[in-house]
Structures are given as C-alpha cells and as structure tokens.
Amino acid sequence: MIGRLKGIIAATGEGQALIDVSGVGYLVHAGSRTLGKLSIGEAAELFVETQMSESAIRLFAFVSGEERAWFARLQDAPGVGARIALAILDTLTLPQLMDAIAL
C-alpha cells in the first residue's frame, strides 16, 4: 500500500492532483482544501490512503497523517464511503469534526 508520496506537483484539476515522484506520476484524489495548499512546480509531501477494488486502485491524498486517519475512521460509519468522507473533511476542520462527534 502507498502511505506517503513526496515529490513535485505536476498538475491539479477538479478533485485531483498529479504528483511526480522520481519520474513517476501518481494521480491522487483530494478535497479542495488540500488542493488549495498545492502549487504546480512546488515540492509537496502527501499522506495517502490507498483503496483497491476489482476495477481500480485509488489514492486519496491529505496534507497530514491525522487527516488521512480521520478519512479512514469516517468510512467505518454506515453509509459513509470515500466520497462522503472526503466531503466531510473538506467542509470541517479536524477540531470542528472532533467537536461534532463529541456532541
């Protein structure tokens, strides 16, 4: 499993970024908050959650390991998949999310 990528941001688009790691381009899915922190041509370190299915391998990228861990935890809730977990993390900061869960 891929857990971290460190390289140069080659491109960004709607919900995704391409990070060049030693000549290999990895397409990662990310929320707008994460994408807003990335600049094309700049070095970046992304924490990655790898999800495999019969039809694809998908990489979800985050700027912190803590955010990646919450992405995985959120998907343990019934009815919450990768898309919804990413939307939650894109809407709430980690402190806001922890406060909401504590209620």
PDB file of N, CA and C in Angstrom:
ATOM      1  N   MET A   1       0.843  -1.186   0.000  1.00  0.00           N
ATOM      2  CA  MET A   1       0.000   0.000   0.000  1.00  0.00           C
ATOM      3  C   MET A   1       0.882   1.241   0.000  1.00  0.00           C
ATOM      4  N   ILE A   2       0.421   2.252  -0.657  1.00  0.00           N
ATOM      5  CA  ILE A   2       1.127   3.535  -0.681  1.00  0.00           C
ATOM      6  C   ILE A   2       0.595   4.374   0.472  1.00  0.00           C
ATOM      7  N   GLY A   3       1.471   4.860   1.334  1.00  0.00           N
ATOM      8  CA  GLY A   3       1.063   5.637   2.501  1.00  0.00           C
ATOM      9  C   GLY A   3       1.511   7.081   2.465  1.00  0.00           C
ATOM     10  N   ARG A   4       2.535   7.376   1.637  1.00  0.00           N
ATOM     11  CA  ARG A   4       3.042   8.744   1.567  1.00  0.00           C
ATOM     12  C   ARG A   4       3.717   8.932   0.220  1.00  0.00           C
ATOM     13  N   LEU A   5       3.545  10.116  -0.348  1.00  0.00           N
ATOM     14  CA  LEU A   5       4.225  10.481  -1.586  1.00  0.00           C
ATOM     15  C   LEU A   5       4.923  11.813  -1.376  1.00  0.00           C
ATOM     16  N   LYS A   6       6.168  11.882  -1.815  1.00  0.00           N
ATOM     17  CA  LYS A   6       6.937  13.119  -1.706  1.00  0.00           C
ATOM     18  C   LYS A   6       7.512  13.412  -3.084  1.00  0.00           C
ATOM     19  N   GLY A   7       7.131  14.555  -3.651  1.00  0.00           N
ATOM     20  CA  GLY A   7       7.585  14.881  -4.994  1.00  0.00           C
ATOM     21  C   GLY A   7       7.175  16.283  -5.395  1.00  0.00           C
ATOM     22  N   ILE A   8       7.069  16.483  -6.691  1.00  0.00           N
ATOM     23  CA  ILE A   8       6.725  17.786  -7.266  1.00  0.00           C
ATOM     24  C   ILE A   8       5.311  17.717  -7.838  1.00  0.00           C
ATOM     25  N   ILE A   9       4.506  18.717  -7.530  1.00  0.00           N
ATOM     26  CA  ILE A   9       3.146  18.774  -8.078  1.00  0.00           C
ATOM     27  C   ILE A   9       3.237  19.140  -9.558  1.00  0.00           C
ATOM     28  N   ALA A  10       2.797  18.231 -10.417  1.00  0.00           N
ATOM     29  CA  ALA A  10       2.861  18.437 -11.860  1.00  0.00           C
ATOM     30  C   ALA A  10       1.600  19.099 -12.399  1.00  0.00           C
ATOM     31  N   ALA A  11       0.454  18.810 -11.787  1.00  0.00           N
ATOM     32  CA  ALA A  11      -0.816  19.375 -12.258  1.00  0.00           C
ATOM     33  C   ALA A  11      -1.870  19.212 -11.172  1.00  0.00           C
ATOM     34  N   THR A  12      -2.869  20.067 -11.233  1.00  0.00           N
ATOM     35  CA  THR A  12      -4.038  19.924 -10.366  1.00  0.00           C
ATOM     36  C   THR A  12      -5.278  20.096 -11.223  1.00  0.00           C
ATOM     37  N   GLY A  13      -6.358  19.490 -10.794  1.00  0.00           N
ATOM     38  CA  GLY A  13      -7.617  19.600 -11.508  1.00  0.00           C
ATOM     39  C   GLY A  13      -8.758  19.448 -10.532  1.00  0.00           C
ATOM     40  N   GLU A  14      -9.940  19.292 -11.051  1.00  0.00           N
ATOM     41  CA  GLU A  14     -11.132  19.152 -10.222  1.00  0.00           C
ATOM     42  C   GLU A  14     -11.049  17.876  -9.394  1.00  0.00           C
ATOM     43  N   GLY A  15     -10.754  18.026  -8.111  1.00  0.00           N
ATOM     44  CA  GLY A  15     -10.732  16.891  -7.207  1.00  0.00           C
ATOM     45  C   GLY A  15      -9.522  15.989  -7.306  1.00  0.00           C
ATOM     46  N   GLN A  16      -8.484  16.421  -8.011  1.00  0.00           N
ATOM     47  CA  GLN A  16      -7.320  15.562  -8.139  1.00  0.00           C
ATOM     48  C   GLN A  16      -6.046  16.357  -8.395  1.00  0.00           C
ATOM     49  N   ALA A  17      -4.927  15.695  -8.165  1.00  0.00           N
ATOM     50  CA  ALA A  17      -3.619  16.282  -8.435  1.00  0.00           C
ATOM     51  C   ALA A  17      -2.713  15.189  -8.979  1.00  0.00           C
ATOM     52  N   LEU A  18      -1.714  15.613  -9.730  1.00  0.00           N
ATOM     53  CA  LEU A  18      -0.708  14.701 -10.254  1.00  0.00           C
ATOM     54  C   LEU A  18       0.608  15.068  -9.589  1.00  0.00           C
ATOM     55  N   ILE A  19       1.189  14.122  -8.853  1.00  0.00           N
ATOM     56  CA  ILE A  19       2.455  14.370  -8.172  1.00  0.00           C
ATOM     57  C   ILE A  19       3.533  13.491  -8.803  1.00  0.00           C
ATOM     58  N   ASP A  20       4.620  14.128  -9.225  1.00  0.00           N
ATOM     59  CA  ASP A  20       5.742  13.439  -9.853  1.00  0.00           C
ATOM     60  C   ASP A  20       6.729  13.020  -8.766  1.00  0.00           C
ATOM     61  N   VAL A  21       6.912  11.723  -8.634  1.00  0.00           N
ATOM     62  CA  VAL A  21       7.846  11.168  -7.653  1.00  0.00           C
ATOM     63  C   VAL A  21       8.925  10.413  -8.430  1.00  0.00           C
ATOM     64  N   SER A  22      10.085  11.020  -8.559  1.00  0.00           N
ATOM     65  CA  SER A  22      11.217  10.403  -9.274  1.00  0.00           C
ATOM     66  C   SER A  22      10.833   9.944 -10.676  1.00  0.00           C
ATOM     67  N   GLY A  23      10.082  10.768 -11.388  1.00  0.00           N
ATOM     68  CA  GLY A  23       9.716  10.461 -12.764  1.00  0.00           C
ATOM     69  C   GLY A  23       8.448   9.656 -12.940  1.00  0.00           C
ATOM     70  N   VAL A  24       7.823   9.244 -11.855  1.00  0.00           N
ATOM     71  CA  VAL A  24       6.556   8.506 -11.929  1.00  0.00           C
ATOM     72  C   VAL A  24       5.446   9.427 -11.453  1.00  0.00           C
ATOM     73  N   GLY A  25       4.420   9.599 -12.276  1.00  0.00           N
ATOM     74  CA  GLY A  25       3.304  10.472 -11.919  1.00  0.00           C
ATOM     75  C   GLY A  25       2.189   9.693 -11.244  1.00  0.00           C
ATOM     76  N   TYR A  26       1.837  10.104 -10.041  1.00  0.00           N
ATOM     77  CA  TYR A  26       0.746   9.479  -9.295  1.00  0.00           C
ATOM     78  C   TYR A  26      -0.452  10.416  -9.305  1.00  0.00           C
ATOM     79  N   LEU A  27      -1.582   9.922  -9.774  1.00  0.00           N
ATOM     80  CA  LEU A  27      -2.818  10.689  -9.755  1.00  0.00           C
ATOM     81  C   LEU A  27      -3.507  10.416  -8.427  1.00  0.00           C
ATOM     82  N   VAL A  28      -3.724  11.479  -7.654  1.00  0.00           N
ATOM     83  CA  VAL A  28      -4.351  11.332  -6.338  1.00  0.00           C
ATOM     84  C   VAL A  28      -5.641  12.136  -6.295  1.00  0.00           C
ATOM     85  N   HIS A  29      -6.616  11.622  -5.577  1.00  0.00           N
ATOM     86  CA  HIS A  29      -7.867  12.335  -5.342  1.00  0.00           C
ATOM     87  C   HIS A  29      -7.701  13.141  -4.061  1.00  0.00           C
ATOM     88  N   ALA A  30      -8.227  14.359  -4.057  1.00  0.00           N
ATOM     89  CA  ALA A  30      -8.088  15.215  -2.878  1.00  0.00           C
ATOM     90  C   ALA A  30      -9.228  16.218  -2.837  1.00  0.00           C
ATOM     91  N   GLY A  31      -9.514  16.691  -1.635  1.00  0.00           N
ATOM     92  CA  GLY A  31     -10.524  17.722  -1.454  1.00  0.00           C
ATOM     93  C   GLY A  31      -9.973  19.085  -1.836  1.00  0.00           C
ATOM     94  N   SER A  32     -10.852  20.052  -1.995  1.00  0.00           N
ATOM     95  CA  SER A  32     -10.428  21.391  -2.419  1.00  0.00           C
ATOM     96  C   SER A  32      -9.527  22.060  -1.386  1.00  0.00           C
ATOM     97  N   ARG A  33      -9.716  21.744  -0.119  1.00  0.00           N
ATOM     98  CA  ARG A  33      -8.851  22.318   0.924  1.00  0.00           C
ATOM     99  C   ARG A  33      -7.406  21.851   0.728  1.00  0.00           C
ATOM    100  N   THR A  34      -7.218  20.575   0.475  1.00  0.00           N
ATOM    101  CA  THR A  34      -5.874  20.040   0.214  1.00  0.00           C
ATOM    102  C   THR A  34      -5.328  20.598  -1.087  1.00  0.00           C
ATOM    103  N   LEU A  35      -6.138  20.589  -2.133  1.00  0.00           N
ATOM    104  CA  LEU A  35      -5.678  21.086  -3.429  1.00  0.00           C
ATOM    105  C   LEU A  35      -5.275  22.556  -3.358  1.00  0.00           C
ATOM    106  N   GLY A  36      -5.956  23.330  -2.526  1.00  0.00           N
ATOM    107  CA  GLY A  36      -5.638  24.743  -2.371  1.00  0.00           C
ATOM    108  C   GLY A  36      -4.273  24.984  -1.754  1.00  0.00           C
ATOM    109  N   LYS A  37      -3.727  23.975  -1.095  1.00  0.00           N
ATOM    110  CA  LYS A  37      -2.404  24.099  -0.469  1.00  0.00           C
ATOM    111  C   LYS A  37      -1.280  23.634  -1.391  1.00  0.00           C
ATOM    112  N   LEU A  38      -1.636  23.144  -2.576  1.00  0.00           N
ATOM    113  CA  LEU A  38      -0.642  22.635  -3.516  1.00  0.00           C
ATOM    114  C   LEU A  38      -0.412  23.636  -4.642  1.00  0.00           C
ATOM    115  N   SER A  39       0.840  23.794  -5.035  1.00  0.00           N
ATOM    116  CA  SER A  39       1.191  24.694  -6.138  1.00  0.00           C
ATOM    117  C   SER A  39       1.959  23.907  -7.192  1.00  0.00           C
ATOM    118  N   ILE A  40       1.566  24.067  -8.432  1.00  0.00           N
ATOM    119  CA  ILE A  40       2.231  23.379  -9.539  1.00  0.00           C
ATOM    120  C   ILE A  40       3.702  23.790  -9.572  1.00  0.00           C
ATOM    121  N   GLY A  41       4.563  22.793  -9.709  1.00  0.00           N
ATOM    122  CA  GLY A  41       6.001  23.027  -9.754  1.00  0.00           C
ATOM    123  C   GLY A  41       6.675  23.061  -8.398  1.00  0.00           C
ATOM    124  N   GLU A  42       5.893  22.999  -7.327  1.00  0.00           N
ATOM    125  CA  GLU A  42       6.436  23.051  -5.965  1.00  0.00           C
ATOM    126  C   GLU A  42       6.508  21.650  -5.355  1.00  0.00           C
ATOM    127  N   ALA A  43       7.442  21.484  -4.439  1.00  0.00           N
ATOM    128  CA  ALA A  43       7.579  20.213  -3.722  1.00  0.00           C
ATOM    129  C   ALA A  43       6.419  20.048  -2.745  1.00  0.00           C
ATOM    130  N   ALA A  44       6.003  18.807  -2.558  1.00  0.00           N
ATOM    131  CA  ALA A  44       4.910  18.516  -1.623  1.00  0.00           C
ATOM    132  C   ALA A  44       5.103  17.129  -1.031  1.00  0.00           C
ATOM    133  N   GLU A  45       4.618  16.980   0.179  1.00  0.00           N
ATOM    134  CA  GLU A  45       4.562  15.674   0.830  1.00  0.00           C
ATOM    135  C   GLU A  45       3.097  15.412   1.141  1.00  0.00           C
ATOM    136  N   LEU A  46       2.567  14.329   0.595  1.00  0.00           N
ATOM    137  CA  LEU A  46       1.160  13.999   0.776  1.00  0.00           C
ATOM    138  C   LEU A  46       1.031  12.658   1.490  1.00  0.00           C
ATOM    139  N   PHE A  47       0.114  12.603   2.430  1.00  0.00           N
ATOM    140  CA  PHE A  47      -0.195  11.364   3.133  1.00  0.00           C
ATOM    141  C   PHE A  47      -1.344  10.709   2.380  1.00  0.00           C
ATOM    142  N   VAL A  48      -1.184   9.443   2.057  1.00  0.00           N
ATOM    143  CA  VAL A  48      -2.072   8.781   1.105  1.00  0.00           C
ATOM    144  C   VAL A  48      -2.803   7.605   1.744  1.00  0.00           C
ATOM    145  N   GLU A  49      -4.073   7.517   1.438  1.00  0.00           N
ATOM    146  CA  GLU A  49      -4.895   6.351   1.774  1.00  0.00           C
ATOM    147  C   GLU A  49      -5.132   5.613   0.458  1.00  0.00           C
ATOM    148  N   THR A  50      -4.693   4.371   0.379  1.00  0.00           N
ATOM    149  CA  THR A  50      -4.835   3.571  -0.831  1.00  0.00           C
ATOM    150  C   THR A  50      -6.075   2.697  -0.710  1.00  0.00           C
ATOM    151  N   GLN A  51      -6.933   2.758  -1.732  1.00  0.00           N
ATOM    152  CA  GLN A  51      -8.122   1.901  -1.747  1.00  0.00           C
ATOM    153  C   GLN A  51      -8.109   1.080  -3.028  1.00  0.00           C
ATOM    154  N   MET A  52      -8.253  -0.228  -2.864  1.00  0.00           N
ATOM    155  CA  MET A  52      -8.233  -1.123  -4.014  1.00  0.00           C
ATOM    156  C   MET A  52      -9.589  -1.795  -4.173  1.00  0.00           C
ATOM    157  N   SER A  53     -10.007  -1.902  -5.425  1.00  0.00           N
ATOM    158  CA  SER A  53     -11.222  -2.643  -5.746  1.00  0.00           C
ATOM    159  C   SER A  53     -10.898  -3.543  -6.935  1.00  0.00           C
ATOM    160  N   GLU A  54     -11.880  -4.287  -7.385  1.00  0.00           N
ATOM    161  CA  GLU A  54     -11.662  -5.164  -8.537  1.00  0.00           C
ATOM    162  C   GLU A  54     -11.323  -4.374  -9.790  1.00  0.00           C
ATOM    163  N   SER A  55     -11.829  -3.147  -9.886  1.00  0.00           N
ATOM    164  CA  SER A  55     -11.659  -2.387 -11.118  1.00  0.00           C
ATOM    165  C   SER A  55     -10.626  -1.267 -11.055  1.00  0.00           C
ATOM    166  N   ALA A  56     -10.156  -0.899  -9.856  1.00  0.00           N
ATOM    167  CA  ALA A  56      -9.244   0.247  -9.787  1.00  0.00           C
ATOM    168  C   ALA A  56      -8.469   0.289  -8.476  1.00  0.00           C
ATOM    169  N   ILE A  57      -7.371   1.010  -8.518  1.00  0.00           N
ATOM    170  CA  ILE A  57      -6.632   1.386  -7.319  1.00  0.00           C
ATOM    171  C   ILE A  57      -6.753   2.900  -7.231  1.00  0.00           C
ATOM    172  N   ARG A  58      -7.272   3.388  -6.111  1.00  0.00           N
ATOM    173  CA  ARG A  58      -7.472   4.830  -5.951  1.00  0.00           C
ATOM    174  C   ARG A  58      -6.632   5.328  -4.788  1.00  0.00           C
ATOM    175  N   LEU A  59      -5.998   6.467  -5.006  1.00  0.00           N
ATOM    176  CA  LEU A  59      -5.176   7.102  -3.985  1.00  0.00           C
ATOM    177  C   LEU A  59      -5.855   8.390  -3.546  1.00  0.00           C
ATOM    178  N   PHE A  60      -6.045   8.543  -2.238  1.00  0.00           N
ATOM    179  CA  PHE A  60      -6.630   9.753  -1.670  1.00  0.00           C
ATOM    180  C   PHE A  60      -5.539  10.456  -0.884  1.00  0.00           C
ATOM    181  N   ALA A  61      -5.322  11.737  -1.163  1.00  0.00           N
ATOM    182  CA  ALA A  61      -4.197  12.462  -0.579  1.00  0.00           C
ATOM    183  C   ALA A  61      -4.644  13.509   0.431  1.00  0.00           C
ATOM    184  N   PHE A  62      -3.808  13.662   1.462  1.00  0.00           N
ATOM    185  CA  PHE A  62      -4.067  14.619   2.541  1.00  0.00           C
ATOM    186  C   PHE A  62      -2.757  15.281   2.937  1.00  0.00           C
ATOM    187  N   VAL A  63      -2.847  16.463   3.526  1.00  0.00           N
ATOM    188  CA  VAL A  63      -1.633  17.185   3.924  1.00  0.00           C
ATOM    189  C   VAL A  63      -1.105  16.732   5.281  1.00  0.00           C
ATOM    190  N   SER A  64      -1.877  15.941   6.020  1.00  0.00           N
ATOM    191  CA  SER A  64      -1.399  15.444   7.315  1.00  0.00           C
ATOM    192  C   SER A  64      -1.822  13.988   7.508  1.00  0.00           C
ATOM    193  N   GLY A  65      -1.029  13.297   8.299  1.00  0.00           N
ATOM    194  CA  GLY A  65      -1.372  11.919   8.635  1.00  0.00           C
ATOM    195  C   GLY A  65      -2.632  11.831   9.467  1.00  0.00           C
ATOM    196  N   GLU A  66      -2.865  12.846  10.290  1.00  0.00           N
ATOM    197  CA  GLU A  66      -4.066  12.868  11.127  1.00  0.00           C
ATOM    198  C   GLU A  66      -5.325  12.966  10.266  1.00  0.00           C
ATOM    199  N   GLU A  67      -5.261  13.805   9.224  1.00  0.00           N
ATOM    200  CA  GLU A  67      -6.406  13.936   8.322  1.00  0.00           C
ATOM    201  C   GLU A  67      -6.652  12.610   7.588  1.00  0.00           C
ATOM    202  N   ARG A  68      -5.590  11.954   7.165  1.00  0.00           N
ATOM    203  CA  ARG A  68      -5.722  10.652   6.499  1.00  0.00           C
ATOM    204  C   ARG A  68      -6.371   9.635   7.441  1.00  0.00           C
ATOM    205  N   ALA A  69      -5.971   9.641   8.708  1.00  0.00           N
ATOM    206  CA  ALA A  69      -6.541   8.709   9.682  1.00  0.00           C
ATOM    207  C   ALA A  69      -8.034   8.962   9.876  1.00  0.00           C
ATOM    208  N   TRP A  70      -8.438  10.221   9.931  1.00  0.00           N
ATOM    209  CA  TRP A  70      -9.860  10.543  10.069  1.00  0.00           C
ATOM    210  C   TRP A  70     -10.645  10.115   8.834  1.00  0.00           C
ATOM    211  N   PHE A  71     -10.043  10.223   7.658  1.00  0.00           N
ATOM    212  CA  PHE A  71     -10.678   9.765   6.424  1.00  0.00           C
ATOM    213  C   PHE A  71     -11.028   8.280   6.548  1.00  0.00           C
ATOM    214  N   ALA A  72     -10.092   7.491   7.044  1.00  0.00           N
ATOM    215  CA  ALA A  72     -10.338   6.052   7.221  1.00  0.00           C
ATOM    216  C   ALA A  72     -11.392   5.802   8.297  1.00  0.00           C
ATOM    217  N   ARG A  73     -11.319   6.529   9.408  1.00  0.00           N
ATOM    218  CA  ARG A  73     -12.293   6.351  10.507  1.00  0.00           C
ATOM    219  C   ARG A  73     -13.714   6.686  10.066  1.00  0.00           C
ATOM    220  N   LEU A  74     -13.856   7.760   9.321  1.00  0.00           N
ATOM    221  CA  LEU A  74     -15.192   8.175   8.880  1.00  0.00           C
ATOM    222  C   LEU A  74     -15.867   7.091   8.050  1.00  0.00           C
ATOM    223  N   GLN A  75     -15.087   6.352   7.277  1.00  0.00           N
ATOM    224  CA  GLN A  75     -15.659   5.316   6.420  1.00  0.00           C
ATOM    225  C   GLN A  75     -16.110   4.085   7.195  1.00  0.00           C
ATOM    226  N   ASP A  76     -15.775   4.016   8.467  1.00  0.00           N
ATOM    227  CA  ASP A  76     -16.282   2.933   9.314  1.00  0.00           C
ATOM    228  C   ASP A  76     -17.753   3.139   9.670  1.00  0.00           C
ATOM    229  N   ALA A  77     -18.239   4.369   9.524  1.00  0.00           N
ATOM    230  CA  ALA A  77     -19.646   4.669   9.814  1.00  0.00           C
ATOM    231  C   ALA A  77     -20.522   4.132   8.682  1.00  0.00           C
ATOM    232  N   PRO A  78     -21.669   3.556   9.015  1.00  0.00           N
ATOM    233  CA  PRO A  78     -22.566   3.032   7.981  1.00  0.00           C
ATOM    234  C   PRO A  78     -22.960   4.119   6.979  1.00  0.00           C
ATOM    235  N   GLY A  79     -22.877   3.785   5.707  1.00  0.00           N
ATOM    236  CA  GLY A  79     -23.299   4.696   4.649  1.00  0.00           C
ATOM    237  C   GLY A  79     -22.276   5.749   4.262  1.00  0.00           C
ATOM    238  N   VAL A  80     -21.118   5.751   4.906  1.00  0.00           N
ATOM    239  CA  VAL A  80     -20.089   6.742   4.578  1.00  0.00           C
ATOM    240  C   VAL A  80     -18.993   6.060   3.767  1.00  0.00           C
ATOM    241  N   GLY A  81     -18.902   6.455   2.511  1.00  0.00           N
ATOM    242  CA  GLY A  81     -17.845   5.952   1.643  1.00  0.00           C
ATOM    243  C   GLY A  81     -16.779   7.014   1.455  1.00  0.00           C
ATOM    244  N   ALA A  82     -15.886   6.751   0.530  1.00  0.00           N
ATOM    245  CA  ALA A  82     -14.765   7.662   0.294  1.00  0.00           C
ATOM    246  C   ALA A  82     -15.230   9.058  -0.109  1.00  0.00           C
ATOM    247  N   ARG A  83     -16.203   9.137  -0.979  1.00  0.00           N
ATOM    248  CA  ARG A  83     -16.671  10.443  -1.466  1.00  0.00           C
ATOM    249  C   ARG A  83     -17.262  11.286  -0.335  1.00  0.00           C
ATOM    250  N   ILE A  84     -18.080  10.679   0.499  1.00  0.00           N
ATOM    251  CA  ILE A  84     -18.697  11.417   1.611  1.00  0.00           C
ATOM    252  C   ILE A  84     -17.646  11.777   2.657  1.00  0.00           C
ATOM    253  N   ALA A  85     -16.743  10.849   2.964  1.00  0.00           N
ATOM    254  CA  ALA A  85     -15.685  11.138   3.942  1.00  0.00           C
ATOM    255  C   ALA A  85     -14.818  12.299   3.473  1.00  0.00           C
ATOM    256  N   LEU A  86     -14.492  12.329   2.183  1.00  0.00           N
ATOM    257  CA  LEU A  86     -13.697  13.426   1.628  1.00  0.00           C
ATOM    258  C   LEU A  86     -14.464  14.742   1.712  1.00  0.00           C
ATOM    259  N   ALA A  87     -15.772  14.703   1.444  1.00  0.00           N
ATOM    260  CA  ALA A  87     -16.597  15.915   1.529  1.00  0.00           C
ATOM    261  C   ALA A  87     -16.676  16.432   2.967  1.00  0.00           C
ATOM    262  N   ILE A  88     -16.782  15.531   3.930  1.00  0.00           N
ATOM    263  CA  ILE A  88     -16.822  15.944   5.341  1.00  0.00           C
ATOM    264  C   ILE A  88     -15.522  16.640   5.716  1.00  0.00           C
ATOM    265  N   LEU A  89     -14.389  16.039   5.343  1.00  0.00           N
ATOM    266  CA  LEU A  89     -13.090  16.625   5.674  1.00  0.00           C
ATOM    267  C   LEU A  89     -12.836  17.919   4.916  1.00  0.00           C
ATOM    268  N   ASP A  90     -13.496  18.086   3.795  1.00  0.00           N
ATOM    269  CA  ASP A  90     -13.358  19.317   3.020  1.00  0.00           C
ATOM    270  C   ASP A  90     -14.205  20.439   3.614  1.00  0.00           C
ATOM    271  N   THR A  91     -15.243  20.065   4.363  1.00  0.00           N
ATOM    272  CA  THR A  91     -16.162  21.041   4.945  1.00  0.00           C
ATOM    273  C   THR A  91     -15.754  21.446   6.354  1.00  0.00           C
ATOM    274  N   LEU A  92     -15.336  20.483   7.153  1.00  0.00           N
ATOM    275  CA  LEU A  92     -15.000  20.739   8.558  1.00  0.00           C
ATOM    276  C   LEU A  92     -13.497  20.646   8.793  1.00  0.00           C
ATOM    277  N   THR A  93     -12.983  21.494   9.664  1.00  0.00           N
ATOM    278  CA  THR A  93     -11.604  21.329  10.113  1.00  0.00           C
ATOM    279  C   THR A  93     -11.581  20.144  11.078  1.00  0.00           C
ATOM    280  N   LEU A  94     -10.408  19.619  11.360  1.00  0.00           N
ATOM    281  CA  LEU A  94     -10.339  18.489  12.295  1.00  0.00           C
ATOM    282  C   LEU A  94     -10.883  18.843  13.675  1.00  0.00           C
ATOM    283  N   PRO A  95     -10.564  20.023  14.243  1.00  0.00           N
ATOM    284  CA  PRO A  95     -11.173  20.367  15.536  1.00  0.00           C
ATOM    285  C   PRO A  95     -12.705  20.442  15.467  1.00  0.00           C
ATOM    286  N   GLN A  96     -13.251  20.976  14.376  1.00  0.00           N
ATOM    287  CA  GLN A  96     -14.711  21.039  14.225  1.00  0.00           C
ATOM    288  C   GLN A  96     -15.302  19.635  14.141  1.00  0.00           C
ATOM    289  N   LEU A  97     -14.639  18.753  13.422  1.00  0.00           N
ATOM    290  CA  LEU A  97     -15.108  17.376  13.288  1.00  0.00           C
ATOM    291  C   LEU A  97     -15.101  16.674  14.642  1.00  0.00           C
ATOM    292  N   MET A  98     -14.031  16.843  15.397  1.00  0.00           N
ATOM    293  CA  MET A  98     -13.947  16.213  16.720  1.00  0.00           C
ATOM    294  C   MET A  98     -15.007  16.764  17.669  1.00  0.00           C
ATOM    295  N   ASP A  99     -15.283  18.066  17.587  1.00  0.00           N
ATOM    296  CA  ASP A  99     -16.345  18.663  18.404  1.00  0.00           C
ATOM    297  C   ASP A  99     -17.705  18.094  18.025  1.00  0.00           C
ATOM    298  N   ALA A 100     -17.951  17.942  16.719  1.00  0.00           N
ATOM    299  CA  ALA A 100     -19.236  17.423  16.249  1.00  0.00           C
ATOM    300  C   ALA A 100     -19.444  15.984  16.713  1.00  0.00           C
ATOM    301  N   ILE A 101     -18.403  15.191  16.690  1.00  0.00           N
ATOM    302  CA  ILE A 101     -18.510  13.795  17.114  1.00  0.00           C
ATOM    303  C   ILE A 101     -18.702  13.702  18.620  1.00  0.00           C
ATOM    304  N   ALA A 102     -18.106  14.618  19.359  1.00  0.00           N
ATOM    305  CA  ALA A 102     -18.199  14.604  20.823  1.00  0.00           C
ATOM    306  C   ALA A 102     -19.594  14.956  21.322  1.00  0.00           C
ATOM    307  N   LEU A 103     -20.398  15.627  20.493  1.00  0.00           N
ATOM    308  CA  LEU A 103     -21.739  16.041  20.929  1.00  0.00           C
ATOM    309  C   LEU A 103     -22.667  14.889  21.116  1.00  0.00           C
TER     310      LEU A 103
END
